[in-house]
Amino acid sequence: MENNPNSSRTDRKTIERNRRNQMKALYSKLNSLVPRQSSRESLSLTDQLDEAAKYIKKLQTNLEKMKERKESLMGTQERPNTSVSSGATMRLRYPQIEIHEIGSALEVVLITGLDSQFMFNETIRVLHEEGAEIVNASFSVLDDTVFHTIHSKVVDDMMFFILHQSPMLERQ
């Protein structure tokens, strides 16, 4: 019976049918992972695969852009300083913040790069929202570093609570 040609032909047919069913299931799974478009159901299998490949390439491009954005925000990327015509580069860095508590007064020292002016505005906004009255704010620039100093008076007792509860703020 083992030499029966019909038996081996049937086995090959069964193996091929299982392979086709498995491939169909995999195509279906891949198709379900690609965002829907209006007429995807009517696309041929090759068009569906082409669309999936384009989608994957788009995701890779977006991932690279996000990595570059993350590096620039994290301060690990060097880039040309557009404000300096000599072609010098400036190093982006993490903003640093120190809060010195003196009775009901606060001194906030914020150290940023030239491209992080929004951090100063955000710090002022947060202090104001949390009940601090800004008394004085100043800054100094040294190379590509900006030193901001903010003096404020705590008007709201809630500010003291927030300062003592926040693990992200460095107090001295």
C-alpha atoms as a PDB file:
ATOM      1  CA  MET A   1       0.000   0.000   0.000  1.00  0.00           C
ATOM      2  CA  GLU A   2       2.967   2.290   0.627  1.00  0.00           C
ATOM      3  CA  ASN A   3       3.894   2.215  -3.043  1.00  0.00           C
ATOM      4  CA  ASN A   4       0.400   3.213  -4.106  1.00  0.00           C
ATOM      5  CA  PRO A   5       0.710   6.337  -6.297  1.00  0.00           C
ATOM      6  CA  ASN A   6      -2.833   7.446  -5.413  1.00  0.00           C
ATOM      7  CA  SER A   7      -1.974   7.517  -1.723  1.00  0.00           C
ATOM      8  CA  SER A   8       1.097   9.703  -2.204  1.00  0.00           C
ATOM      9  CA  ARG A   9      -0.825  12.014  -4.551  1.00  0.00           C
ATOM     10  CA  THR A  10      -3.559  12.377  -1.913  1.00  0.00           C
ATOM     11  CA  ASP A  11      -0.941  13.131   0.745  1.00  0.00           C
ATOM     12  CA  ARG A  12       0.593  15.845  -1.438  1.00  0.00           C
ATOM     13  CA  LYS A  13      -2.833  17.331  -2.111  1.00  0.00           C
ATOM     14  CA  THR A  14      -3.596  17.377   1.613  1.00  0.00           C
ATOM     15  CA  ILE A  15      -0.236  18.987   2.418  1.00  0.00           C
ATOM     16  CA  GLU A  16      -0.758  21.607  -0.304  1.00  0.00           C
ATOM     17  CA  ARG A  17      -4.313  22.353   0.882  1.00  0.00           C
ATOM     18  CA  ASN A  18      -3.052  22.813   4.462  1.00  0.00           C
ATOM     19  CA  ARG A  19      -0.282  25.116   3.225  1.00  0.00           C
ATOM     20  CA  ARG A  20      -2.789  27.224   1.242  1.00  0.00           C
ATOM     21  CA  ASN A  21      -5.132  27.423   4.230  1.00  0.00           C
ATOM     22  CA  GLN A  22      -2.257  28.471   6.474  1.00  0.00           C
ATOM     23  CA  MET A  23      -1.146  31.141   3.949  1.00  0.00           C
ATOM     24  CA  LYS A  24      -4.739  32.386   3.655  1.00  0.00           C
ATOM     25  CA  ALA A  25      -4.956  32.719   7.439  1.00  0.00           C
ATOM     26  CA  LEU A  26      -1.646  34.603   7.546  1.00  0.00           C
ATOM     27  CA  TYR A  27      -2.731  36.973   4.732  1.00  0.00           C
ATOM     28  CA  SER A  28      -5.977  37.594   6.552  1.00  0.00           C
ATOM     29  CA  LYS A  29      -4.138  38.321   9.804  1.00  0.00           C
ATOM     30  CA  LEU A  30      -1.754  40.731   8.025  1.00  0.00           C
ATOM     31  CA  ASN A  31      -4.668  42.453   6.295  1.00  0.00           C
ATOM     32  CA  SER A  32      -6.440  42.923   9.631  1.00  0.00           C
ATOM     33  CA  LEU A  33      -3.396  44.764  11.044  1.00  0.00           C
ATOM     34  CA  VAL A  34      -3.309  47.379   8.270  1.00  0.00           C
ATOM     35  CA  PRO A  35      -5.659  50.342   8.842  1.00  0.00           C
ATOM     36  CA  ARG A  36      -8.877  50.079   6.859  1.00  0.00           C
ATOM     37  CA  GLN A  37      -9.467  51.988   3.704  1.00  0.00           C
ATOM     38  CA  SER A  38     -12.749  52.261   1.863  1.00  0.00           C
ATOM     39  CA  SER A  39     -12.412  49.405  -0.630  1.00  0.00           C
ATOM     40  CA  ARG A  40      -9.753  47.112   0.841  1.00  0.00           C
ATOM     41  CA  GLU A  41     -12.018  44.065   0.679  1.00  0.00           C
ATOM     42  CA  SER A  42     -12.092  44.264  -3.105  1.00  0.00           C
ATOM     43  CA  LEU A  43      -8.293  44.483  -3.455  1.00  0.00           C
ATOM     44  CA  SER A  44      -6.409  41.568  -4.896  1.00  0.00           C
ATOM     45  CA  LEU A  45      -4.018  39.640  -2.682  1.00  0.00           C
ATOM     46  CA  THR A  46      -0.963  41.255  -4.306  1.00  0.00           C
ATOM     47  CA  ASP A  47      -2.498  44.730  -3.815  1.00  0.00           C
ATOM     48  CA  GLN A  48      -3.192  43.922  -0.165  1.00  0.00           C
ATOM     49  CA  LEU A  49       0.429  42.809   0.313  1.00  0.00           C
ATOM     50  CA  ASP A  50       1.661  45.947  -1.456  1.00  0.00           C
ATOM     51  CA  GLU A  51      -0.510  48.101   0.798  1.00  0.00           C
ATOM     52  CA  ALA A  52       0.793  46.299   3.900  1.00  0.00           C
ATOM     53  CA  ALA A  53       4.393  46.848   2.753  1.00  0.00           C
ATOM     54  CA  LYS A  54       3.734  50.567   2.194  1.00  0.00           C
ATOM     55  CA  TYR A  55       2.132  50.823   5.630  1.00  0.00           C
ATOM     56  CA  ILE A  56       5.128  49.137   7.279  1.00  0.00           C
ATOM     57  CA  LYS A  57       7.528  51.510   5.497  1.00  0.00           C
ATOM     58  CA  LYS A  58       5.417  54.465   6.649  1.00  0.00           C
ATOM     59  CA  LEU A  59       5.578  53.180  10.236  1.00  0.00           C
ATOM     60  CA  GLN A  60       9.366  52.820   9.973  1.00  0.00           C
ATOM     61  CA  THR A  61       9.681  56.397   8.708  1.00  0.00           C
ATOM     62  CA  ASN A  62       7.456  57.689  11.517  1.00  0.00           C
ATOM     63  CA  LEU A  63       9.508  55.731  14.061  1.00  0.00           C
ATOM     64  CA  GLU A  64      12.740  57.294  12.801  1.00  0.00           C
ATOM     65  CA  LYS A  65      11.214  60.777  12.974  1.00  0.00           C
ATOM     66  CA  MET A  66      10.014  60.109  16.522  1.00  0.00           C
ATOM     67  CA  LYS A  67      13.453  58.834  17.553  1.00  0.00           C
ATOM     68  CA  GLU A  68      15.042  62.007  16.175  1.00  0.00           C
ATOM     69  CA  ARG A  69      12.459  64.142  17.985  1.00  0.00           C
ATOM     70  CA  LYS A  70      13.055  62.224  21.218  1.00  0.00           C
ATOM     71  CA  GLU A  71      16.826  62.688  20.881  1.00  0.00           C
ATOM     72  CA  SER A  72      16.393  66.409  20.336  1.00  0.00           C
ATOM     73  CA  LEU A  73      14.107  66.686  23.367  1.00  0.00           C
ATOM     74  CA  MET A  74      16.349  64.513  25.512  1.00  0.00           C
ATOM     75  CA  GLY A  75      19.374  66.628  24.651  1.00  0.00           C
ATOM     76  CA  THR A  76      21.483  63.944  22.984  1.00  0.00           C
ATOM     77  CA  GLN A  77      21.639  65.358  19.495  1.00  0.00           C
ATOM     78  CA  GLU A  78      24.056  67.956  18.190  1.00  0.00           C
ATOM     79  CA  ARG A  79      22.710  70.330  15.626  1.00  0.00           C
ATOM     80  CA  PRO A  80      23.909  73.503  13.980  1.00  0.00           C
ATOM     81  CA  ASN A  81      23.135  76.697  15.866  1.00  0.00           C
ATOM     82  CA  THR A  82      21.164  78.759  13.371  1.00  0.00           C
ATOM     83  CA  SER A  83      21.756  81.980  15.282  1.00  0.00           C
ATOM     84  CA  VAL A  84      25.532  81.685  14.979  1.00  0.00           C
ATOM     85  CA  SER A  85      26.950  82.340  11.531  1.00  0.00           C
ATOM     86  CA  SER A  86      30.326  80.753  12.303  1.00  0.00           C
ATOM     87  CA  GLY A  87      28.924  77.261  11.780  1.00  0.00           C
ATOM     88  CA  ALA A  88      29.320  76.309  15.443  1.00  0.00           C
ATOM     89  CA  THR A  89      27.198  73.564  16.895  1.00  0.00           C
ATOM     90  CA  MET A  90      25.295  73.705  20.132  1.00  0.00           C
ATOM     91  CA  ARG A  91      24.547  70.763  22.368  1.00  0.00           C
ATOM     92  CA  LEU A  92      20.935  70.355  23.453  1.00  0.00           C
ATOM     93  CA  ARG A  93      20.505  69.334  27.056  1.00  0.00           C
ATOM     94  CA  TYR A  94      17.963  68.611  29.731  1.00  0.00           C
ATOM     95  CA  PRO A  95      16.614  71.692  31.437  1.00  0.00           C
ATOM     96  CA  GLN A  96      17.633  71.835  35.087  1.00  0.00           C
ATOM     97  CA  ILE A  97      15.477  73.315  37.800  1.00  0.00           C
ATOM     98  CA  GLU A  98      16.336  74.092  41.397  1.00  0.00           C
ATOM     99  CA  ILE A  99      13.903  75.426  43.966  1.00  0.00           C
ATOM    100  CA  HIS A 100      15.165  77.181  47.077  1.00  0.00           C
ATOM    101  CA  GLU A 101      12.580  77.658  49.794  1.00  0.00           C
ATOM    102  CA  ILE A 102      13.187  80.563  52.183  1.00  0.00           C
ATOM    103  CA  GLY A 103      10.251  80.968  54.530  1.00  0.00           C
ATOM    104  CA  SER A 104       7.300  82.028  52.392  1.00  0.00           C
ATOM    105  CA  ALA A 105       9.585  82.973  49.497  1.00  0.00           C
ATOM    106  CA  LEU A 106      10.785  80.786  46.654  1.00  0.00           C
ATOM    107  CA  GLU A 107      13.767  81.182  44.412  1.00  0.00           C
ATOM    108  CA  VAL A 108      13.539  79.097  41.255  1.00  0.00           C
ATOM    109  CA  VAL A 109      16.659  78.686  39.146  1.00  0.00           C
ATOM    110  CA  LEU A 110      16.026  77.279  35.673  1.00  0.00           C
ATOM    111  CA  ILE A 111      18.946  76.405  33.399  1.00  0.00           C
ATOM    112  CA  THR A 112      18.080  75.718  29.760  1.00  0.00           C
ATOM    113  CA  GLY A 113      19.524  75.878  26.278  1.00  0.00           C
ATOM    114  CA  LEU A 114      18.797  78.718  23.884  1.00  0.00           C
ATOM    115  CA  ASP A 115      16.050  76.679  22.233  1.00  0.00           C
ATOM    116  CA  SER A 116      14.048  76.014  25.426  1.00  0.00           C
ATOM    117  CA  GLN A 117      12.437  79.394  26.111  1.00  0.00           C
ATOM    118  CA  PHE A 118       9.075  77.642  26.571  1.00  0.00           C
ATOM    119  CA  MET A 119      10.410  76.122  29.818  1.00  0.00           C
ATOM    120  CA  PHE A 120      10.644  79.582  31.400  1.00  0.00           C
ATOM    121  CA  ASN A 121       7.094  80.430  30.352  1.00  0.00           C
ATOM    122  CA  GLU A 122       5.838  77.063  31.595  1.00  0.00           C
ATOM    123  CA  THR A 123       7.595  77.514  34.958  1.00  0.00           C
ATOM    124  CA  ILE A 124       6.017  80.957  35.424  1.00  0.00           C
ATOM    125  CA  ARG A 125       2.602  79.541  34.498  1.00  0.00           C
ATOM    126  CA  VAL A 126       2.889  76.642  36.974  1.00  0.00           C
ATOM    127  CA  LEU A 127       4.059  78.896  39.806  1.00  0.00           C
ATOM    128  CA  HIS A 128       1.181  81.285  39.164  1.00  0.00           C
ATOM    129  CA  GLU A 129      -1.395  78.470  38.943  1.00  0.00           C
ATOM    130  CA  GLU A 130      -0.166  76.974  42.208  1.00  0.00           C
ATOM    131  CA  GLY A 131      -0.552  80.204  44.141  1.00  0.00           C
ATOM    132  CA  ALA A 132       2.836  81.880  43.950  1.00  0.00           C
ATOM    133  CA  GLU A 133       3.093  85.610  43.320  1.00  0.00           C
ATOM    134  CA  ILE A 134       6.032  86.397  41.006  1.00  0.00           C
ATOM    135  CA  VAL A 135       8.121  89.195  42.515  1.00  0.00           C
ATOM    136  CA  ASN A 136      11.050  89.246  40.089  1.00  0.00           C
ATOM    137  CA  ALA A 137      12.243  87.267  37.079  1.00  0.00           C
ATOM    138  CA  SER A 138      15.541  87.649  35.265  1.00  0.00           C
ATOM    139  CA  PHE A 139      17.858  85.745  32.952  1.00  0.00           C
ATOM    140  CA  SER A 140      21.461  85.660  31.815  1.00  0.00           C
ATOM    141  CA  VAL A 141      22.931  84.041  28.708  1.00  0.00           C
ATOM    142  CA  LEU A 142      26.337  82.388  28.621  1.00  0.00           C
ATOM    143  CA  ASP A 143      27.291  80.732  25.317  1.00  0.00           C
ATOM    144  CA  ASP A 144      24.358  78.398  24.541  1.00  0.00           C
ATOM    145  CA  THR A 145      23.037  78.267  28.117  1.00  0.00           C
ATOM    146  CA  VAL A 146      20.312  80.469  29.613  1.00  0.00           C
ATOM    147  CA  PHE A 147      20.118  80.943  33.396  1.00  0.00           C
ATOM    148  CA  HIS A 148      16.661  82.049  34.573  1.00  0.00           C
ATOM    149  CA  THR A 149      16.064  83.187  38.140  1.00  0.00           C
ATOM    150  CA  ILE A 150      12.539  83.637  39.447  1.00  0.00           C
ATOM    151  CA  HIS A 151      11.772  85.090  42.868  1.00  0.00           C
ATOM    152  CA  SER A 152       8.269  84.553  44.149  1.00  0.00           C
ATOM    153  CA  LYS A 153       6.215  84.830  47.297  1.00  0.00           C
ATOM    154  CA  VAL A 154       3.943  81.965  48.302  1.00  0.00           C
ATOM    155  CA  VAL A 155       0.437  83.305  48.770  1.00  0.00           C
ATOM    156  CA  ASP A 156      -1.394  79.979  48.887  1.00  0.00           C
ATOM    157  CA  ASP A 157      -0.578  77.348  51.537  1.00  0.00           C
ATOM    158  CA  MET A 158      -1.237  74.679  48.899  1.00  0.00           C
ATOM    159  CA  MET A 159       2.066  75.642  47.233  1.00  0.00           C
ATOM    160  CA  PHE A 160       4.018  74.440  50.285  1.00  0.00           C
ATOM    161  CA  PHE A 161       2.179  71.129  50.150  1.00  0.00           C
ATOM    162  CA  ILE A 162       2.973  70.689  46.445  1.00  0.00           C
ATOM    163  CA  LEU A 163       6.646  71.535  46.941  1.00  0.00           C
ATOM    164  CA  HIS A 164       7.024  68.967  49.673  1.00  0.00           C
ATOM    165  CA  GLN A 165       5.138  66.254  47.784  1.00  0.00           C
ATOM    166  CA  SER A 166       6.759  66.516  44.335  1.00  0.00           C
ATOM    167  CA  PRO A 167       9.612  64.005  43.892  1.00  0.00           C
ATOM    168  CA  MET A 168      10.629  65.601  40.546  1.00  0.00           C
ATOM    169  CA  LEU A 169      11.725  68.940  41.998  1.00  0.00           C
ATOM    170  CA  GLU A 170      15.219  69.335  43.406  1.00  0.00           C
ATOM    171  CA  ARG A 171      15.018  71.395  46.597  1.00  0.00           C
ATOM    172  CA  GLN A 172      17.928  72.971  48.428  1.00  0.00           C
END
